[in-house]
Amino acid sequence: MKKDTHPKYSAKAKVICACGNEIVVGSTMPEIKTELCSECHPFYTGEQRLVDTARRVEKYEEKLARTKTVAPTRKGKTAKRKAKAEAKKADK
Protein backbone atom coordinates (compact mmCIF):
# COMPACT_ATOMS: atom_id res chain seq x y z
CA MET A 1 0.00 0.00 0.00
CA LYS A 2 1.08 3.55 -0.63
CA LYS A 3 1.74 5.69 2.40
CA ASP A 4 -0.52 8.68 3.17
CA THR A 5 -3.19 7.49 0.72
CA HIS A 6 -5.69 5.94 3.09
CA PRO A 7 -7.40 7.76 5.98
CA LYS A 8 -6.36 6.94 9.53
CA TYR A 9 -8.46 4.16 11.06
CA SER A 10 -9.67 4.59 14.61
CA ALA A 11 -10.78 1.45 16.46
CA LYS A 12 -12.53 3.49 19.15
CA ALA A 13 -14.71 5.92 17.21
CA LYS A 14 -17.81 7.21 19.03
CA VAL A 15 -21.27 7.12 17.44
CA ILE A 16 -23.52 9.60 19.26
CA CYS A 17 -27.29 9.41 18.74
CA ALA A 18 -29.77 12.26 19.25
CA CYS A 19 -31.38 10.24 22.07
CA GLY A 20 -28.09 10.30 23.98
CA ASN A 21 -26.97 6.74 23.31
CA GLU A 22 -23.24 6.32 22.62
CA ILE A 23 -21.72 3.36 20.76
CA VAL A 24 -18.02 2.62 20.22
CA VAL A 25 -17.18 1.28 16.74
CA GLY A 26 -14.26 1.22 14.33
CA SER A 27 -14.24 3.95 11.70
CA THR A 28 -12.08 6.41 9.82
CA MET A 29 -13.95 9.27 11.49
CA PRO A 30 -13.26 9.88 15.19
CA GLU A 31 -16.86 10.91 15.99
CA ILE A 32 -20.14 10.24 14.14
CA LYS A 33 -23.47 11.90 15.01
CA THR A 34 -26.76 10.30 13.99
CA GLU A 35 -30.48 10.88 14.54
CA LEU A 36 -31.56 7.25 15.08
CA CYS A 37 -29.99 4.20 16.66
CA SER A 38 -31.15 0.74 17.70
CA GLU A 39 -32.21 2.13 21.10
CA CYS A 40 -34.66 4.71 19.73
CA HIS A 41 -35.66 3.41 16.27
CA PRO A 42 -39.37 2.39 16.12
CA PHE A 43 -38.57 -0.92 14.39
CA TYR A 44 -36.40 -2.09 17.28
CA THR A 45 -38.39 -0.55 20.15
CA GLY A 46 -41.79 -1.77 18.90
CA GLU A 47 -43.54 1.53 19.53
CA GLN A 48 -45.47 3.32 16.78
CA ARG A 49 -43.73 6.62 16.27
CA LEU A 50 -43.32 8.51 13.04
CA VAL A 51 -39.90 10.04 12.52
CA ASP A 52 -40.36 12.93 10.15
CA THR A 53 -37.99 15.81 9.62
CA ALA A 54 -39.53 17.32 6.50
CA ARG A 55 -43.18 17.46 7.70
CA ARG A 56 -44.14 14.82 5.11
CA VAL A 57 -46.56 13.04 7.44
CA GLU A 58 -48.38 16.26 8.39
CA LYS A 59 -48.58 17.35 4.75
CA TYR A 60 -50.07 13.99 3.78
CA GLU A 61 -52.62 14.12 6.60
CA GLU A 62 -53.65 17.68 5.59
CA LYS A 63 -54.03 16.59 1.97
CA LEU A 64 -56.08 13.57 3.02
CA ALA A 65 -58.36 15.77 5.16
CA ARG A 66 -58.94 18.16 2.24
CA THR A 67 -59.95 15.33 -0.10
CA LYS A 68 -62.42 13.97 2.47
CA THR A 69 -64.12 17.35 2.99
CA VAL A 70 -64.39 18.29 -0.70
CA ALA A 71 -66.76 16.07 -2.67
CA PRO A 72 -65.70 15.16 -6.19
CA THR A 73 -67.51 17.34 -8.75
CA ARG A 74 -66.36 15.56 -11.88
CA LYS A 75 -68.85 13.63 -13.95
CA GLY A 76 -68.15 10.72 -16.24
CA LYS A 77 -68.64 10.84 -20.02
CA THR A 78 -71.94 8.98 -19.88
CA ALA A 79 -73.40 11.45 -17.36
CA LYS A 80 -72.29 14.41 -19.52
CA ARG A 81 -73.77 12.81 -22.68
CA LYS A 82 -77.04 12.09 -20.88
CA ALA A 83 -77.29 15.70 -19.64
CA LYS A 84 -76.52 16.98 -23.15
CA ALA A 85 -79.21 14.72 -24.68
CA GLU A 86 -81.77 15.90 -22.13
CA ALA A 87 -80.90 19.52 -22.89
CA LYS A 88 -81.49 18.91 -26.63
CA LYS A 89 -84.89 17.28 -25.90
CA ALA A 90 -85.90 20.23 -23.72
CA ASP A 91 -85.03 22.69 -26.56
CA LYS A 92 -87.28 20.88 -29.11
C-alpha atoms as a PDB file:
ATOM      1  CA  MET A   1       0.000   0.000   0.000  1.00  0.00           C
ATOM      2  CA  LYS A   2       1.084   3.546  -0.631  1.00  0.00           C
ATOM      3  CA  LYS A   3       1.738   5.687   2.397  1.00  0.00           C
ATOM      4  CA  ASP A   4      -0.522   8.683   3.171  1.00  0.00           C
ATOM      5  CA  THR A   5      -3.191   7.488   0.721  1.00  0.00           C
ATOM      6  CA  HIS A   6      -5.690   5.935   3.092  1.00  0.00           C
ATOM      7  CA  PRO A   7      -7.398   7.762   5.982  1.00  0.00           C
ATOM      8  CA  LYS A   8      -6.361   6.942   9.526  1.00  0.00           C
ATOM      9  CA  TYR A   9      -8.456   4.158  11.059  1.00  0.00           C
ATOM     10  CA  SER A  10      -9.666   4.588  14.611  1.00  0.00           C
ATOM     11  CA  ALA A  11     -10.779   1.454  16.455  1.00  0.00           C
ATOM     12  CA  LYS A  12     -12.530   3.485  19.152  1.00  0.00           C
ATOM     13  CA  ALA A  13     -14.711   5.923  17.206  1.00  0.00           C
ATOM     14  CA  LYS A  14     -17.813   7.206  19.027  1.00  0.00           C
ATOM     15  CA  VAL A  15     -21.269   7.116  17.444  1.00  0.00           C
ATOM     16  CA  ILE A  16     -23.521   9.598  19.264  1.00  0.00           C
ATOM     17  CA  CYS A  17     -27.289   9.411  18.736  1.00  0.00           C
ATOM     18  CA  ALA A  18     -29.771  12.256  19.248  1.00  0.00           C
ATOM     19  CA  CYS A  19     -31.379  10.236  22.068  1.00  0.00           C
ATOM     20  CA  GLY A  20     -28.087  10.304  23.983  1.00  0.00           C
ATOM     21  CA  ASN A  21     -26.973   6.744  23.314  1.00  0.00           C
ATOM     22  CA  GLU A  22     -23.236   6.317  22.621  1.00  0.00           C
ATOM     23  CA  ILE A  23     -21.720   3.356  20.759  1.00  0.00           C
ATOM     24  CA  VAL A  24     -18.023   2.623  20.218  1.00  0.00           C
ATOM     25  CA  VAL A  25     -17.182   1.284  16.738  1.00  0.00           C
ATOM     26  CA  GLY A  26     -14.263   1.222  14.331  1.00  0.00           C
ATOM     27  CA  SER A  27     -14.243   3.952  11.703  1.00  0.00           C
ATOM     28  CA  THR A  28     -12.075   6.405   9.819  1.00  0.00           C
ATOM     29  CA  MET A  29     -13.953   9.273  11.487  1.00  0.00           C
ATOM     30  CA  PRO A  30     -13.256   9.883  15.195  1.00  0.00           C
ATOM     31  CA  GLU A  31     -16.858  10.913  15.992  1.00  0.00           C
ATOM     32  CA  ILE A  32     -20.139  10.236  14.141  1.00  0.00           C
ATOM     33  CA  LYS A  33     -23.465  11.897  15.011  1.00  0.00           C
ATOM     34  CA  THR A  34     -26.755  10.297  13.989  1.00  0.00           C
ATOM     35  CA  GLU A  35     -30.483  10.881  14.540  1.00  0.00           C
ATOM     36  CA  LEU A  36     -31.560   7.255  15.081  1.00  0.00           C
ATOM     37  CA  CYS A  37     -29.989   4.199  16.655  1.00  0.00           C
ATOM     38  CA  SER A  38     -31.154   0.744  17.701  1.00  0.00           C
ATOM     39  CA  GLU A  39     -32.208   2.129  21.098  1.00  0.00           C
ATOM     40  CA  CYS A  40     -34.659   4.713  19.732  1.00  0.00           C
ATOM     41  CA  HIS A  41     -35.664   3.410  16.267  1.00  0.00           C
ATOM     42  CA  PRO A  42     -39.371   2.395  16.120  1.00  0.00           C
ATOM     43  CA  PHE A  43     -38.570  -0.916  14.390  1.00  0.00           C
ATOM     44  CA  TYR A  44     -36.405  -2.086  17.283  1.00  0.00           C
ATOM     45  CA  THR A  45     -38.390  -0.551  20.146  1.00  0.00           C
ATOM     46  CA  GLY A  46     -41.790  -1.772  18.896  1.00  0.00           C
ATOM     47  CA  GLU A  47     -43.544   1.535  19.526  1.00  0.00           C
ATOM     48  CA  GLN A  48     -45.472   3.320  16.778  1.00  0.00           C
ATOM     49  CA  ARG A  49     -43.726   6.616  16.274  1.00  0.00           C
ATOM     50  CA  LEU A  50     -43.317   8.510  13.043  1.00  0.00           C
ATOM     51  CA  VAL A  51     -39.901  10.037  12.521  1.00  0.00           C
ATOM     52  CA  ASP A  52     -40.365  12.930  10.149  1.00  0.00           C
ATOM     53  CA  THR A  53     -37.985  15.814   9.621  1.00  0.00           C
ATOM     54  CA  ALA A  54     -39.532  17.318   6.496  1.00  0.00           C
ATOM     55  CA  ARG A  55     -43.181  17.463   7.699  1.00  0.00           C
ATOM     56  CA  ARG A  56     -44.140  14.822   5.111  1.00  0.00           C
ATOM     57  CA  VAL A  57     -46.558  13.042   7.442  1.00  0.00           C
ATOM     58  CA  GLU A  58     -48.378  16.257   8.387  1.00  0.00           C
ATOM     59  CA  LYS A  59     -48.579  17.349   4.754  1.00  0.00           C
ATOM     60  CA  TYR A  60     -50.067  13.992   3.777  1.00  0.00           C
ATOM     61  CA  GLU A  61     -52.624  14.119   6.599  1.00  0.00           C
ATOM     62  CA  GLU A  62     -53.653  17.676   5.590  1.00  0.00           C
ATOM     63  CA  LYS A  63     -54.030  16.593   1.968  1.00  0.00           C
ATOM     64  CA  LEU A  64     -56.081  13.569   3.020  1.00  0.00           C
ATOM     65  CA  ALA A  65     -58.361  15.769   5.160  1.00  0.00           C
ATOM     66  CA  ARG A  66     -58.936  18.155   2.238  1.00  0.00           C
ATOM     67  CA  THR A  67     -59.950  15.329  -0.098  1.00  0.00           C
ATOM     68  CA  LYS A  68     -62.417  13.973   2.468  1.00  0.00           C
ATOM     69  CA  THR A  69     -64.123  17.349   2.987  1.00  0.00           C
ATOM     70  CA  VAL A  70     -64.386  18.289  -0.703  1.00  0.00           C
ATOM     71  CA  ALA A  71     -66.764  16.072  -2.669  1.00  0.00           C
ATOM     72  CA  PRO A  72     -65.703  15.163  -6.189  1.00  0.00           C
ATOM     73  CA  THR A  73     -67.510  17.338  -8.752  1.00  0.00           C
ATOM     74  CA  ARG A  74     -66.363  15.560 -11.880  1.00  0.00           C
ATOM     75  CA  LYS A  75     -68.849  13.626 -13.950  1.00  0.00           C
ATOM     76  CA  GLY A  76     -68.147  10.725 -16.241  1.00  0.00           C
ATOM     77  CA  LYS A  77     -68.635  10.844 -20.024  1.00  0.00           C
ATOM     78  CA  THR A  78     -71.940   8.980 -19.877  1.00  0.00           C
ATOM     79  CA  ALA A  79     -73.402  11.452 -17.365  1.00  0.00           C
ATOM     80  CA  LYS A  80     -72.287  14.408 -19.520  1.00  0.00           C
ATOM     81  CA  ARG A  81     -73.775  12.814 -22.676  1.00  0.00           C
ATOM     82  CA  LYS A  82     -77.043  12.093 -20.879  1.00  0.00           C
ATOM     83  CA  ALA A  83     -77.290  15.703 -19.639  1.00  0.00           C
ATOM     84  CA  LYS A  84     -76.518  16.980 -23.151  1.00  0.00           C
ATOM     85  CA  ALA A  85     -79.209  14.724 -24.676  1.00  0.00           C
ATOM     86  CA  GLU A  86     -81.766  15.898 -22.130  1.00  0.00           C
ATOM     87  CA  ALA A  87     -80.895  19.522 -22.889  1.00  0.00           C
ATOM     88  CA  LYS A  88     -81.487  18.906 -26.626  1.00  0.00           C
ATOM     89  CA  LYS A  89     -84.885  17.280 -25.898  1.00  0.00           C
ATOM     90  CA  ALA A  90     -85.896  20.229 -23.724  1.00  0.00           C
ATOM     91  CA  ASP A  91     -85.027  22.689 -26.557  1.00  0.00           C
ATOM     92  CA  LYS A  92     -87.279  20.881 -29.107  1.00  0.00           C
END
